[in-house]
Amino acid sequence: MSRYPLYRYKKFFGVAFLFCIVAIYLLAMLPQEKAPQLGWSDKGNHVFAFVVLGLLLRLGFRISYWRALALLIAYGAFVELSQYFTPTRSAELADVAADTIGAHIRKVL
């Protein structure tokens, strides 16, 4: 029996990861007043989203921790850069830092 039994659901986790990437981007582009809130702080939402993305990425694809971390940081920076050019949103480096923390937390789980 495999040490990681969840890997048999690799395709499911891969599709879930891709779905979440698209969903997070679309939610990030919504006007601030229409964006859903989880009841946490904005930075808490970022950390939570990137913990989930990190888990799905590692379970869905054969990728090293460092490559996954770099991809998630780049994705977080891309989202913030996109928000910079969106009139109803604002970009913050602190959001990228929260994304990085969330992506890194996945390593200790």
PDB file of N, CA and C in Angstrom:
ATOM      1  N   MET A   1       0.842  -1.185   0.000  1.00  0.00           N
ATOM      2  CA  MET A   1       0.000   0.000   0.000  1.00  0.00           C
ATOM      3  C   MET A   1       0.884   1.244   0.000  1.00  0.00           C
ATOM      4  N   SER A   2       0.482   2.240  -0.742  1.00  0.00           N
ATOM      5  CA  SER A   2       1.247   3.466  -0.871  1.00  0.00           C
ATOM      6  C   SER A   2       1.272   4.243   0.441  1.00  0.00           C
ATOM      7  N   ARG A   3       2.371   4.923   0.661  1.00  0.00           N
ATOM      8  CA  ARG A   3       2.497   5.761   1.848  1.00  0.00           C
ATOM      9  C   ARG A   3       1.544   6.954   1.757  1.00  0.00           C
ATOM     10  N   TYR A   4       1.218   7.360   0.550  1.00  0.00           N
ATOM     11  CA  TYR A   4       0.318   8.481   0.313  1.00  0.00           C
ATOM     12  C   TYR A   4      -0.905   8.004  -0.459  1.00  0.00           C
ATOM     13  N   PRO A   5      -1.916   7.480   0.239  1.00  0.00           N
ATOM     14  CA  PRO A   5      -3.070   6.905  -0.459  1.00  0.00           C
ATOM     15  C   PRO A   5      -3.861   7.920  -1.287  1.00  0.00           C
ATOM     16  N   LEU A   6      -3.752   9.213  -0.993  1.00  0.00           N
ATOM     17  CA  LEU A   6      -4.499  10.210  -1.759  1.00  0.00           C
ATOM     18  C   LEU A   6      -3.977  10.366  -3.181  1.00  0.00           C
ATOM     19  N   TYR A   7      -2.757   9.884  -3.447  1.00  0.00           N
ATOM     20  CA  TYR A   7      -2.200  10.020  -4.786  1.00  0.00           C
ATOM     21  C   TYR A   7      -2.967   9.220  -5.834  1.00  0.00           C
ATOM     22  N   ARG A   8      -3.773   8.273  -5.406  1.00  0.00           N
ATOM     23  CA  ARG A   8      -4.567   7.544  -6.398  1.00  0.00           C
ATOM     24  C   ARG A   8      -5.674   8.413  -6.982  1.00  0.00           C
ATOM     25  N   TYR A   9      -5.929   9.549  -6.349  1.00  0.00           N
ATOM     26  CA  TYR A   9      -6.919  10.510  -6.849  1.00  0.00           C
ATOM     27  C   TYR A   9      -6.233  11.685  -7.552  1.00  0.00           C
ATOM     28  N   LYS A  10      -5.071  11.432  -8.093  1.00  0.00           N
ATOM     29  CA  LYS A  10      -4.241  12.465  -8.698  1.00  0.00           C
ATOM     30  C   LYS A  10      -4.994  13.291  -9.750  1.00  0.00           C
ATOM     31  N   LYS A  11      -5.740  12.654 -10.633  1.00  0.00           N
ATOM     32  CA  LYS A  11      -6.469  13.391 -11.677  1.00  0.00           C
ATOM     33  C   LYS A  11      -7.510  14.320 -11.065  1.00  0.00           C
ATOM     34  N   PHE A  12      -8.215  13.841 -10.055  1.00  0.00           N
ATOM     35  CA  PHE A  12      -9.205  14.674  -9.382  1.00  0.00           C
ATOM     36  C   PHE A  12      -8.547  15.913  -8.790  1.00  0.00           C
ATOM     37  N   PHE A  13      -7.431  15.727  -8.078  1.00  0.00           N
ATOM     38  CA  PHE A  13      -6.744  16.863  -7.461  1.00  0.00           C
ATOM     39  C   PHE A  13      -6.183  17.819  -8.511  1.00  0.00           C
ATOM     40  N   GLY A  14      -5.720  17.283  -9.638  1.00  0.00           N
ATOM     41  CA  GLY A  14      -5.225  18.130 -10.718  1.00  0.00           C
ATOM     42  C   GLY A  14      -6.321  19.006 -11.297  1.00  0.00           C
ATOM     43  N   VAL A  15      -7.475  18.417 -11.539  1.00  0.00           N
ATOM     44  CA  VAL A  15      -8.615  19.182 -12.064  1.00  0.00           C
ATOM     45  C   VAL A  15      -9.088  20.192 -11.013  1.00  0.00           C
ATOM     46  N   ALA A  16      -9.131  19.795  -9.764  1.00  0.00           N
ATOM     47  CA  ALA A  16      -9.541  20.704  -8.689  1.00  0.00           C
ATOM     48  C   ALA A  16      -8.579  21.890  -8.592  1.00  0.00           C
ATOM     49  N   PHE A  17      -7.271  21.622  -8.748  1.00  0.00           N
ATOM     50  CA  PHE A  17      -6.285  22.702  -8.726  1.00  0.00           C
ATOM     51  C   PHE A  17      -6.543  23.693  -9.862  1.00  0.00           C
ATOM     52  N   LEU A  18      -6.728  23.185 -11.066  1.00  0.00           N
ATOM     53  CA  LEU A  18      -6.972  24.067 -12.208  1.00  0.00           C
ATOM     54  C   LEU A  18      -8.262  24.859 -12.037  1.00  0.00           C
ATOM     55  N   PHE A  19      -9.297  24.224 -11.519  1.00  0.00           N
ATOM     56  CA  PHE A  19     -10.556  24.917 -11.238  1.00  0.00           C
ATOM     57  C   PHE A  19     -10.322  26.048 -10.230  1.00  0.00           C
ATOM     58  N   CYS A  20      -9.582  25.767  -9.170  1.00  0.00           N
ATOM     59  CA  CYS A  20      -9.332  26.777  -8.133  1.00  0.00           C
ATOM     60  C   CYS A  20      -8.501  27.937  -8.656  1.00  0.00           C
ATOM     61  N   ILE A  21      -7.522  27.641  -9.514  1.00  0.00           N
ATOM     62  CA  ILE A  21      -6.706  28.716 -10.103  1.00  0.00           C
ATOM     63  C   ILE A  21      -7.609  29.695 -10.863  1.00  0.00           C
ATOM     64  N   VAL A  22      -8.494  29.162 -11.677  1.00  0.00           N
ATOM     65  CA  VAL A  22      -9.399  30.008 -12.469  1.00  0.00           C
ATOM     66  C   VAL A  22     -10.385  30.730 -11.553  1.00  0.00           C
ATOM     67  N   ALA A  23     -10.968  30.011 -10.595  1.00  0.00           N
ATOM     68  CA  ALA A  23     -11.960  30.609  -9.702  1.00  0.00           C
ATOM     69  C   ALA A  23     -11.348  31.734  -8.865  1.00  0.00           C
ATOM     70  N   ILE A  24     -10.154  31.519  -8.339  1.00  0.00           N
ATOM     71  CA  ILE A  24      -9.502  32.549  -7.521  1.00  0.00           C
ATOM     72  C   ILE A  24      -9.218  33.785  -8.368  1.00  0.00           C
ATOM     73  N   TYR A  25      -8.756  33.571  -9.592  1.00  0.00           N
ATOM     74  CA  TYR A  25      -8.478  34.729 -10.454  1.00  0.00           C
ATOM     75  C   TYR A  25      -9.761  35.507 -10.749  1.00  0.00           C
ATOM     76  N   LEU A  26     -10.827  34.804 -11.085  1.00  0.00           N
ATOM     77  CA  LEU A  26     -12.089  35.494 -11.385  1.00  0.00           C
ATOM     78  C   LEU A  26     -12.617  36.238 -10.163  1.00  0.00           C
ATOM     79  N   LEU A  27     -12.522  35.627  -8.993  1.00  0.00           N
ATOM     80  CA  LEU A  27     -12.966  36.299  -7.768  1.00  0.00           C
ATOM     81  C   LEU A  27     -12.099  37.517  -7.464  1.00  0.00           C
ATOM     82  N   ALA A  28     -10.811  37.417  -7.750  1.00  0.00           N
ATOM     83  CA  ALA A  28      -9.898  38.531  -7.488  1.00  0.00           C
ATOM     84  C   ALA A  28     -10.157  39.714  -8.412  1.00  0.00           C
ATOM     85  N   MET A  29     -10.777  39.471  -9.553  1.00  0.00           N
ATOM     86  CA  MET A  29     -11.060  40.548 -10.501  1.00  0.00           C
ATOM     87  C   MET A  29     -12.423  41.196 -10.280  1.00  0.00           C
ATOM     88  N   LEU A  30     -13.254  40.595  -9.422  1.00  0.00           N
ATOM     89  CA  LEU A  30     -14.549  41.210  -9.114  1.00  0.00           C
ATOM     90  C   LEU A  30     -14.338  42.542  -8.411  1.00  0.00           C
ATOM     91  N   PRO A  31     -15.269  43.481  -8.577  1.00  0.00           N
ATOM     92  CA  PRO A  31     -15.177  44.719  -7.791  1.00  0.00           C
ATOM     93  C   PRO A  31     -15.159  44.388  -6.295  1.00  0.00           C
ATOM     94  N   GLN A  32     -14.424  45.164  -5.535  1.00  0.00           N
ATOM     95  CA  GLN A  32     -14.223  44.891  -4.102  1.00  0.00           C
ATOM     96  C   GLN A  32     -15.538  44.686  -3.353  1.00  0.00           C
ATOM     97  N   GLU A  33     -16.539  45.501  -3.657  1.00  0.00           N
ATOM     98  CA  GLU A  33     -17.811  45.393  -2.928  1.00  0.00           C
ATOM     99  C   GLU A  33     -18.605  44.136  -3.287  1.00  0.00           C
ATOM    100  N   LYS A  34     -18.288  43.502  -4.425  1.00  0.00           N
ATOM    101  CA  LYS A  34     -18.985  42.283  -4.829  1.00  0.00           C
ATOM    102  C   LYS A  34     -18.207  41.012  -4.496  1.00  0.00           C
ATOM    103  N   ALA A  35     -16.978  41.167  -4.089  1.00  0.00           N
ATOM    104  CA  ALA A  35     -16.136  39.998  -3.794  1.00  0.00           C
ATOM    105  C   ALA A  35     -16.618  39.325  -2.509  1.00  0.00           C
ATOM    106  N   PRO A  36     -16.755  38.003  -2.519  1.00  0.00           N
ATOM    107  CA  PRO A  36     -17.203  37.303  -1.311  1.00  0.00           C
ATOM    108  C   PRO A  36     -16.126  37.333  -0.221  1.00  0.00           C
ATOM    109  N   GLN A  37     -16.575  37.329   1.009  1.00  0.00           N
ATOM    110  CA  GLN A  37     -15.668  37.311   2.157  1.00  0.00           C
ATOM    111  C   GLN A  37     -15.930  36.057   2.972  1.00  0.00           C
ATOM    112  N   LEU A  38     -14.864  35.451   3.480  1.00  0.00           N
ATOM    113  CA  LEU A  38     -15.004  34.248   4.302  1.00  0.00           C
ATOM    114  C   LEU A  38     -15.218  34.574   5.768  1.00  0.00           C
ATOM    115  N   GLY A  39     -15.190  35.848   6.104  1.00  0.00           N
ATOM    116  CA  GLY A  39     -15.342  36.237   7.498  1.00  0.00           C
ATOM    117  C   GLY A  39     -14.006  36.440   8.185  1.00  0.00           C
ATOM    118  N   TRP A  40     -12.909  36.189   7.462  1.00  0.00           N
ATOM    119  CA  TRP A  40     -11.572  36.424   7.996  1.00  0.00           C
ATOM    120  C   TRP A  40     -11.062  37.733   7.438  1.00  0.00           C
ATOM    121  N   SER A  41      -9.864  38.083   7.842  1.00  0.00           N
ATOM    122  CA  SER A  41      -9.240  39.266   7.266  1.00  0.00           C
ATOM    123  C   SER A  41      -8.852  38.973   5.814  1.00  0.00           C
ATOM    124  N   ASP A  42      -8.558  40.012   5.076  1.00  0.00           N
ATOM    125  CA  ASP A  42      -8.124  39.845   3.683  1.00  0.00           C
ATOM    126  C   ASP A  42      -6.872  38.964   3.613  1.00  0.00           C
ATOM    127  N   LYS A  43      -5.942  39.181   4.505  1.00  0.00           N
ATOM    128  CA  LYS A  43      -4.701  38.381   4.489  1.00  0.00           C
ATOM    129  C   LYS A  43      -4.999  36.933   4.879  1.00  0.00           C
ATOM    130  N   GLY A  44      -5.926  36.721   5.767  1.00  0.00           N
ATOM    131  CA  GLY A  44      -6.335  35.359   6.126  1.00  0.00           C
ATOM    132  C   GLY A  44      -6.927  34.624   4.936  1.00  0.00           C
ATOM    133  N   ASN A  45      -7.723  35.336   4.131  1.00  0.00           N
ATOM    134  CA  ASN A  45      -8.272  34.748   2.905  1.00  0.00           C
ATOM    135  C   ASN A  45      -7.159  34.333   1.952  1.00  0.00           C
ATOM    136  N   HIS A  46      -6.145  35.184   1.824  1.00  0.00           N
ATOM    137  CA  HIS A  46      -5.011  34.875   0.943  1.00  0.00           C
ATOM    138  C   HIS A  46      -4.255  33.638   1.434  1.00  0.00           C
ATOM    139  N   VAL A  47      -3.971  33.604   2.720  1.00  0.00           N
ATOM    140  CA  VAL A  47      -3.248  32.451   3.287  1.00  0.00           C
ATOM    141  C   VAL A  47      -4.050  31.176   3.058  1.00  0.00           C
ATOM    142  N   PHE A  48      -5.329  31.200   3.379  1.00  0.00           N
ATOM    143  CA  PHE A  48      -6.181  30.016   3.209  1.00  0.00           C
ATOM    144  C   PHE A  48      -6.204  29.546   1.757  1.00  0.00           C
ATOM    145  N   ALA A  49      -6.394  30.483   0.832  1.00  0.00           N
ATOM    146  CA  ALA A  49      -6.464  30.124  -0.589  1.00  0.00           C
ATOM    147  C   ALA A  49      -5.175  29.460  -1.051  1.00  0.00           C
ATOM    148  N   PHE A  50      -4.036  29.951  -0.603  1.00  0.00           N
ATOM    149  CA  PHE A  50      -2.770  29.399  -1.078  1.00  0.00           C
ATOM    150  C   PHE A  50      -2.368  28.132  -0.342  1.00  0.00           C
ATOM    151  N   VAL A  51      -2.866  27.904   0.851  1.00  0.00           N
ATOM    152  CA  VAL A  51      -2.686  26.591   1.485  1.00  0.00           C
ATOM    153  C   VAL A  51      -3.433  25.547   0.657  1.00  0.00           C
ATOM    154  N   VAL A  52      -4.673  25.864   0.286  1.00  0.00           N
ATOM    155  CA  VAL A  52      -5.475  24.945  -0.526  1.00  0.00           C
ATOM    156  C   VAL A  52      -4.823  24.727  -1.888  1.00  0.00           C
ATOM    157  N   LEU A  53      -4.398  25.810  -2.550  1.00  0.00           N
ATOM    158  CA  LEU A  53      -3.739  25.658  -3.850  1.00  0.00           C
ATOM    159  C   LEU A  53      -2.477  24.805  -3.740  1.00  0.00           C
ATOM    160  N   GLY A  54      -1.694  25.032  -2.696  1.00  0.00           N
ATOM    161  CA  GLY A  54      -0.467  24.250  -2.508  1.00  0.00           C
ATOM    162  C   GLY A  54      -0.752  22.771  -2.322  1.00  0.00           C
ATOM    163  N   LEU A  55      -1.755  22.464  -1.524  1.00  0.00           N
ATOM    164  CA  LEU A  55      -2.120  21.060  -1.326  1.00  0.00           C
ATOM    165  C   LEU A  55      -2.592  20.419  -2.623  1.00  0.00           C
ATOM    166  N   LEU A  56      -3.462  21.101  -3.343  1.00  0.00           N
ATOM    167  CA  LEU A  56      -3.981  20.542  -4.595  1.00  0.00           C
ATOM    168  C   LEU A  56      -2.884  20.399  -5.649  1.00  0.00           C
ATOM    169  N   LEU A  57      -1.982  21.362  -5.696  1.00  0.00           N
ATOM    170  CA  LEU A  57      -0.888  21.300  -6.668  1.00  0.00           C
ATOM    171  C   LEU A  57       0.014  20.107  -6.397  1.00  0.00           C
ATOM    172  N   ARG A  58       0.378  19.902  -5.145  1.00  0.00           N
ATOM    173  CA  ARG A  58       1.275  18.794  -4.822  1.00  0.00           C
ATOM    174  C   ARG A  58       0.585  17.444  -4.957  1.00  0.00           C
ATOM    175  N   LEU A  59      -0.711  17.382  -4.672  1.00  0.00           N
ATOM    176  CA  LEU A  59      -1.424  16.116  -4.813  1.00  0.00           C
ATOM    177  C   LEU A  59      -1.797  15.805  -6.257  1.00  0.00           C
ATOM    178  N   GLY A  60      -1.970  16.833  -7.072  1.00  0.00           N
ATOM    179  CA  GLY A  60      -2.425  16.629  -8.434  1.00  0.00           C
ATOM    180  C   GLY A  60      -1.327  16.482  -9.469  1.00  0.00           C
ATOM    181  N   PHE A  61      -0.124  16.960  -9.133  1.00  0.00           N
ATOM    182  CA  PHE A  61       0.961  16.952 -10.108  1.00  0.00           C
ATOM    183  C   PHE A  61       2.260  16.514  -9.437  1.00  0.00           C
ATOM    184  N   ARG A  62       3.118  15.867 -10.211  1.00  0.00           N
ATOM    185  CA  ARG A  62       4.452  15.517  -9.703  1.00  0.00           C
ATOM    186  C   ARG A  62       5.324  16.749  -9.834  1.00  0.00           C
ATOM    187  N   ILE A  63       5.499  17.441  -8.736  1.00  0.00           N
ATOM    188  CA  ILE A  63       6.244  18.693  -8.746  1.00  0.00           C
ATOM    189  C   ILE A  63       6.964  18.822  -7.411  1.00  0.00           C
ATOM    190  N   SER A  64       8.169  19.317  -7.444  1.00  0.00           N
ATOM    191  CA  SER A  64       8.929  19.478  -6.207  1.00  0.00           C
ATOM    192  C   SER A  64       8.338  20.610  -5.372  1.00  0.00           C
ATOM    193  N   TYR A  65       8.650  20.599  -4.104  1.00  0.00           N
ATOM    194  CA  TYR A  65       8.162  21.648  -3.211  1.00  0.00           C
ATOM    195  C   TYR A  65       8.619  23.019  -3.698  1.00  0.00           C
ATOM    196  N   TRP A  66       9.894  23.159  -4.052  1.00  0.00           N
ATOM    197  CA  TRP A  66      10.443  24.458  -4.437  1.00  0.00           C
ATOM    198  C   TRP A  66       9.836  24.967  -5.742  1.00  0.00           C
ATOM    199  N   ARG A  67       9.609  24.078  -6.681  1.00  0.00           N
ATOM    200  CA  ARG A  67       8.981  24.492  -7.935  1.00  0.00           C
ATOM    201  C   ARG A  67       7.528  24.904  -7.682  1.00  0.00           C
ATOM    202  N   ALA A  68       6.829  24.144  -6.854  1.00  0.00           N
ATOM    203  CA  ALA A  68       5.443  24.493  -6.517  1.00  0.00           C
ATOM    204  C   ALA A  68       5.395  25.847  -5.811  1.00  0.00           C
ATOM    205  N   LEU A  69       6.319  26.069  -4.887  1.00  0.00           N
ATOM    206  CA  LEU A  69       6.358  27.344  -4.172  1.00  0.00           C
ATOM    207  C   LEU A  69       6.608  28.494  -5.143  1.00  0.00           C
ATOM    208  N   ALA A  70       7.554  28.329  -6.055  1.00  0.00           N
ATOM    209  CA  ALA A  70       7.856  29.380  -7.034  1.00  0.00           C
ATOM    210  C   ALA A  70       6.651  29.651  -7.939  1.00  0.00           C
ATOM    211  N   LEU A  71       5.975  28.599  -8.387  1.00  0.00           N
ATOM    212  CA  LEU A  71       4.802  28.781  -9.243  1.00  0.00           C
ATOM    213  C   LEU A  71       3.679  29.505  -8.510  1.00  0.00           C
ATOM    214  N   LEU A  72       3.460  29.145  -7.259  1.00  0.00           N
ATOM    215  CA  LEU A  72       2.380  29.791  -6.505  1.00  0.00           C
ATOM    216  C   LEU A  72       2.706  31.248  -6.199  1.00  0.00           C
ATOM    217  N   ILE A  73       3.970  31.543  -5.901  1.00  0.00           N
ATOM    218  CA  ILE A  73       4.355  32.944  -5.676  1.00  0.00           C
ATOM    219  C   ILE A  73       4.170  33.744  -6.966  1.00  0.00           C
ATOM    220  N   ALA A  74       4.578  33.162  -8.091  1.00  0.00           N
ATOM    221  CA  ALA A  74       4.403  33.844  -9.380  1.00  0.00           C
ATOM    222  C   ALA A  74       2.920  34.063  -9.674  1.00  0.00           C
ATOM    223  N   TYR A  75       2.093  33.074  -9.365  1.00  0.00           N
ATOM    224  CA  TYR A  75       0.650  33.222  -9.581  1.00  0.00           C
ATOM    225  C   TYR A  75       0.090  34.343  -8.700  1.00  0.00           C
ATOM    226  N   GLY A  76       0.491  34.373  -7.436  1.00  0.00           N
ATOM    227  CA  GLY A  76       0.035  35.435  -6.540  1.00  0.00           C
ATOM    228  C   GLY A  76       0.449  36.811  -7.033  1.00  0.00           C
ATOM    229  N   ALA A  77       1.687  36.917  -7.536  1.00  0.00           N
ATOM    230  CA  ALA A  77       2.162  38.197  -8.080  1.00  0.00           C
ATOM    231  C   ALA A  77       1.378  38.568  -9.342  1.00  0.00           C
ATOM    232  N   PHE A  78       1.065  37.568 -10.170  1.00  0.00           N
ATOM    233  CA  PHE A  78       0.268  37.809 -11.377  1.00  0.00           C
ATOM    234  C   PHE A  78      -1.118  38.346 -11.022  1.00  0.00           C
ATOM    235  N   VAL A  79      -1.746  37.768 -10.021  1.00  0.00           N
ATOM    236  CA  VAL A  79      -3.073  38.231  -9.593  1.00  0.00           C
ATOM    237  C   VAL A  79      -2.988  39.670  -9.108  1.00  0.00           C
ATOM    238  N   GLU A  80      -1.985  39.973  -8.296  1.00  0.00           N
ATOM    239  CA  GLU A  80      -1.847  41.345  -7.787  1.00  0.00           C
ATOM    240  C   GLU A  80      -1.532  42.324  -8.911  1.00  0.00           C
ATOM    241  N   LEU A  81      -0.712  41.922  -9.855  1.00  0.00           N
ATOM    242  CA  LEU A  81      -0.416  42.781 -11.003  1.00  0.00           C
ATOM    243  C   LEU A  81      -1.683  43.030 -11.822  1.00  0.00           C
ATOM    244  N   SER A  82      -2.488  42.004 -11.995  1.00  0.00           N
ATOM    245  CA  SER A  82      -3.761  42.164 -12.702  1.00  0.00           C
ATOM    246  C   SER A  82      -4.669  43.135 -11.959  1.00  0.00           C
ATOM    247  N   GLN A  83      -4.689  43.047 -10.628  1.00  0.00           N
ATOM    248  CA  GLN A  83      -5.524  43.949  -9.842  1.00  0.00           C
ATOM    249  C   GLN A  83      -5.032  45.393  -9.945  1.00  0.00           C
ATOM    250  N   TYR A  84      -3.745  45.564 -10.118  1.00  0.00           N
ATOM    251  CA  TYR A  84      -3.189  46.907 -10.263  1.00  0.00           C
ATOM    252  C   TYR A  84      -3.805  47.625 -11.474  1.00  0.00           C
ATOM    253  N   PHE A  85      -4.086  46.875 -12.525  1.00  0.00           N
ATOM    254  CA  PHE A  85      -4.647  47.447 -13.740  1.00  0.00           C
ATOM    255  C   PHE A  85      -6.169  47.375 -13.780  1.00  0.00           C
ATOM    256  N   THR A  86      -6.793  46.960 -12.685  1.00  0.00           N
ATOM    257  CA  THR A  86      -8.250  46.894 -12.587  1.00  0.00           C
ATOM    258  C   THR A  86      -8.721  48.087 -11.754  1.00  0.00           C
ATOM    259  N   PRO A  87      -9.575  48.936 -12.296  1.00  0.00           N
ATOM    260  CA  PRO A  87      -9.941  50.157 -11.579  1.00  0.00           C
ATOM    261  C   PRO A  87     -10.688  49.921 -10.261  1.00  0.00           C
ATOM    262  N   THR A  88     -11.355  48.796 -10.111  1.00  0.00           N
ATOM    263  CA  THR A  88     -12.141  48.558  -8.893  1.00  0.00           C
ATOM    264  C   THR A  88     -11.388  47.761  -7.841  1.00  0.00           C
ATOM    265  N   ARG A  89     -10.128  47.451  -8.086  1.00  0.00           N
ATOM    266  CA  ARG A  89      -9.318  46.685  -7.123  1.00  0.00           C
ATOM    267  C   ARG A  89      -8.002  47.409  -6.889  1.00  0.00           C
ATOM    268  N   SER A  90      -7.296  46.990  -5.846  1.00  0.00           N
ATOM    269  CA  SER A  90      -5.975  47.561  -5.582  1.00  0.00           C
ATOM    270  C   SER A  90      -4.995  46.419  -5.345  1.00  0.00           C
ATOM    271  N   ALA A  91      -3.758  46.634  -5.748  1.00  0.00           N
ATOM    272  CA  ALA A  91      -2.707  45.630  -5.585  1.00  0.00           C
ATOM    273  C   ALA A  91      -1.898  45.951  -4.329  1.00  0.00           C
ATOM    274  N   GLU A  92      -1.502  44.901  -3.609  1.00  0.00           N
ATOM    275  CA  GLU A  92      -0.700  45.082  -2.399  1.00  0.00           C
ATOM    276  C   GLU A  92       0.401  44.032  -2.358  1.00  0.00           C
ATOM    277  N   LEU A  93       1.606  44.470  -2.045  1.00  0.00           N
ATOM    278  CA  LEU A  93       2.700  43.513  -1.849  1.00  0.00           C
ATOM    279  C   LEU A  93       2.429  42.630  -0.634  1.00  0.00           C
ATOM    280  N   ALA A  94       1.696  43.167   0.332  1.00  0.00           N
ATOM    281  CA  ALA A  94       1.363  42.373   1.518  1.00  0.00           C
ATOM    282  C   ALA A  94       0.507  41.163   1.146  1.00  0.00           C
ATOM    283  N   ASP A  95      -0.299  41.281   0.100  1.00  0.00           N
ATOM    284  CA  ASP A  95      -1.095  40.140  -0.361  1.00  0.00           C
ATOM    285  C   ASP A  95      -0.195  39.050  -0.943  1.00  0.00           C
ATOM    286  N   VAL A  96       0.830  39.451  -1.676  1.00  0.00           N
ATOM    287  CA  VAL A  96       1.783  38.470  -2.202  1.00  0.00           C
ATOM    288  C   VAL A  96       2.523  37.795  -1.047  1.00  0.00           C
ATOM    289  N   ALA A  97       2.848  38.557  -0.010  1.00  0.00           N
ATOM    290  CA  ALA A  97       3.497  37.970   1.164  1.00  0.00           C
ATOM    291  C   ALA A  97       2.571  36.958   1.845  1.00  0.00           C
ATOM    292  N   ALA A  98       1.288  37.297   1.957  1.00  0.00           N
ATOM    293  CA  ALA A  98       0.325  36.360   2.552  1.00  0.00           C
ATOM    294  C   ALA A  98       0.184  35.117   1.683  1.00  0.00           C
ATOM    295  N   ASP A  99       0.189  35.290   0.369  1.00  0.00           N
ATOM    296  CA  ASP A  99       0.136  34.148  -0.543  1.00  0.00           C
ATOM    297  C   ASP A  99       1.353  33.245  -0.339  1.00  0.00           C
ATOM    298  N   THR A 100       2.517  33.851  -0.198  1.00  0.00           N
ATOM    299  CA  THR A 100       3.755  33.097   0.023  1.00  0.00           C
ATOM    300  C   THR A 100       3.705  32.322   1.315  1.00  0.00           C
ATOM    301  N   ILE A 101       3.193  32.926   2.366  1.00  0.00           N
ATOM    302  CA  ILE A 101       3.058  32.238   3.651  1.00  0.00           C
ATOM    303  C   ILE A 101       2.123  31.042   3.504  1.00  0.00           C
ATOM    304  N   GLY A 102       0.994  31.243   2.832  1.00  0.00           N
ATOM    305  CA  GLY A 102       0.051  30.158   2.622  1.00  0.00           C
ATOM    306  C   GLY A 102       0.645  29.019   1.811  1.00  0.00           C
ATOM    307  N   ALA A 103       1.381  29.360   0.771  1.00  0.00           N
ATOM    308  CA  ALA A 103       2.022  28.327  -0.071  1.00  0.00           C
ATOM    309  C   ALA A 103       3.079  27.570   0.720  1.00  0.00           C
ATOM    310  N   HIS A 104       3.759  28.273   1.621  1.00  0.00           N
ATOM    311  CA  HIS A 104       4.799  27.634   2.424  1.00  0.00           C
ATOM    312  C   HIS A 104       4.210  26.783   3.549  1.00  0.00           C
ATOM    313  N   ILE A 105       3.108  27.209   4.121  1.00  0.00           N
ATOM    314  CA  ILE A 105       2.471  26.452   5.210  1.00  0.00           C
ATOM    315  C   ILE A 105       2.148  25.048   4.757  1.00  0.00           C
ATOM    316  N   ARG A 106       1.809  24.879   3.491  1.00  0.00           N
ATOM    317  CA  ARG A 106       1.490  23.561   2.964  1.00  0.00           C
ATOM    318  C   ARG A 106       2.620  22.577   3.229  1.00  0.00           C
ATOM    319  N   LYS A 107       3.852  23.053   3.266  1.00  0.00           N
ATOM    320  CA  LYS A 107       5.012  22.178   3.486  1.00  0.00           C
ATOM    321  C   LYS A 107       4.947  21.537   4.864  1.00  0.00           C
ATOM    322  N   VAL A 108       4.465  22.250   5.857  1.00  0.00           N
ATOM    323  CA  VAL A 108       4.457  21.715   7.218  1.00  0.00           C
ATOM    324  C   VAL A 108       3.215  20.887   7.525  1.00  0.00           C
ATOM    325  N   LEU A 109       2.230  20.891   6.633  1.00  0.00           N
ATOM    326  CA  LEU A 109       1.006  20.106   6.873  1.00  0.00           C
ATOM    327  C   LEU A 109       1.223  18.649   6.531  1.00  0.00           C
TER     328      LEU A 109
END
